[in-house]
Amino acid sequence: MDMLQTTEVPSGAVLERIDAILRELLELRQTVAAQGRAARGNQAAELFGALGRGSWEEYNLDLDWQRLDS
C-alpha cells in the first residue's frame, strides 16, 4: 500500500493561491523598501548614539584596540 496519498487540487485554486502569495510578497516588498528609505542616513551616528551619550571627539580608537588586545 502506498503511504503517500495524492489529492487532486483544481488548477484554478492553485493559481488563485499563487496570485494571493504574489500580492502578499509585493506588499512585503513595498514595506521593506519604505523602511529602507526611512532608515537611510548616518547609520554610524545612529549606532553611536544608541550606545550612550557622548561625542565622536570623546571616542578614542586606540584605547578600544588596547582593551580588545588584552
Protein backbone atom coordinates (compact mmCIF):
# COMPACT_ATOMS: atom_id res chain seq x y z
CA MET A 1 0.00 0.00 0.00
CA ASP A 2 1.35 3.39 -0.95
CA MET A 3 1.82 5.63 2.09
CA LEU A 4 1.50 8.81 0.07
CA GLN A 5 -1.98 9.72 -0.87
CA THR A 6 -2.42 12.29 -3.55
CA THR A 7 -5.41 14.50 -3.86
CA GLU A 8 -6.14 16.47 -6.92
CA VAL A 9 -6.36 20.21 -6.46
CA PRO A 10 -8.15 22.18 -9.14
CA SER A 11 -5.66 24.25 -11.10
CA GLY A 12 -7.83 27.33 -10.60
CA ALA A 13 -7.37 27.07 -6.83
CA VAL A 14 -3.62 26.74 -7.24
CA LEU A 15 -3.49 29.79 -9.48
CA GLU A 16 -5.60 31.80 -7.02
CA ARG A 17 -3.23 30.87 -4.20
CA ILE A 18 -0.20 31.82 -6.30
CA ASP A 19 -1.81 35.20 -7.03
CA ALA A 20 -2.51 35.72 -3.32
CA ILE A 21 1.09 34.88 -2.45
CA LEU A 22 2.36 37.29 -5.10
CA ARG A 23 0.17 40.08 -3.67
CA GLU A 24 1.46 39.36 -0.17
CA LEU A 25 5.05 39.38 -1.39
CA LEU A 26 4.51 42.67 -3.22
CA GLU A 27 3.09 44.24 -0.05
CA LEU A 28 6.02 42.92 1.96
CA ARG A 29 8.48 44.24 -0.63
CA GLN A 30 6.88 47.70 -0.50
CA THR A 31 7.01 47.71 3.30
CA VAL A 32 10.67 46.69 3.38
CA ALA A 33 11.57 49.23 0.70
CA ALA A 34 9.78 52.01 2.60
CA GLN A 35 11.63 51.09 5.80
CA GLY A 36 14.92 51.06 3.89
CA ARG A 37 14.29 54.55 2.57
CA ALA A 38 13.40 55.79 6.05
CA ALA A 39 16.48 54.16 7.61
CA ARG A 40 18.95 55.69 5.22
CA GLY A 41 21.06 58.29 6.86
CA ASN A 42 24.09 58.30 9.02
CA GLN A 43 23.83 54.80 10.48
CA ALA A 44 27.17 55.09 12.23
CA ALA A 45 25.97 58.15 14.12
CA GLU A 46 22.71 56.40 14.99
CA LEU A 47 24.57 53.38 16.36
CA PHE A 48 27.00 55.56 18.27
CA GLY A 49 24.06 57.42 19.80
CA ALA A 50 22.43 54.13 20.77
CA LEU A 51 25.49 53.19 22.83
CA GLY A 52 25.09 56.13 25.15
CA ARG A 53 25.72 59.81 25.35
CA GLY A 54 28.88 61.34 24.12
CA SER A 55 30.51 62.72 21.03
CA TRP A 56 32.84 61.44 18.40
CA GLU A 57 35.58 63.64 19.85
CA GLU A 58 35.40 61.69 23.12
CA TYR A 59 35.90 58.36 21.39
CA ASN A 60 39.45 57.04 21.38
CA LEU A 61 40.01 54.25 18.87
CA ASP A 62 43.46 53.38 20.27
CA LEU A 63 42.04 52.73 23.75
CA ASP A 64 39.42 50.43 22.27
CA TRP A 65 42.03 48.39 20.42
CA GLN A 66 44.19 48.18 23.56
CA ARG A 67 41.19 46.91 25.54
CA LEU A 68 40.42 44.28 22.89
CA ASP A 69 44.07 43.28 22.55
CA SER A 70 44.47 42.26 26.19
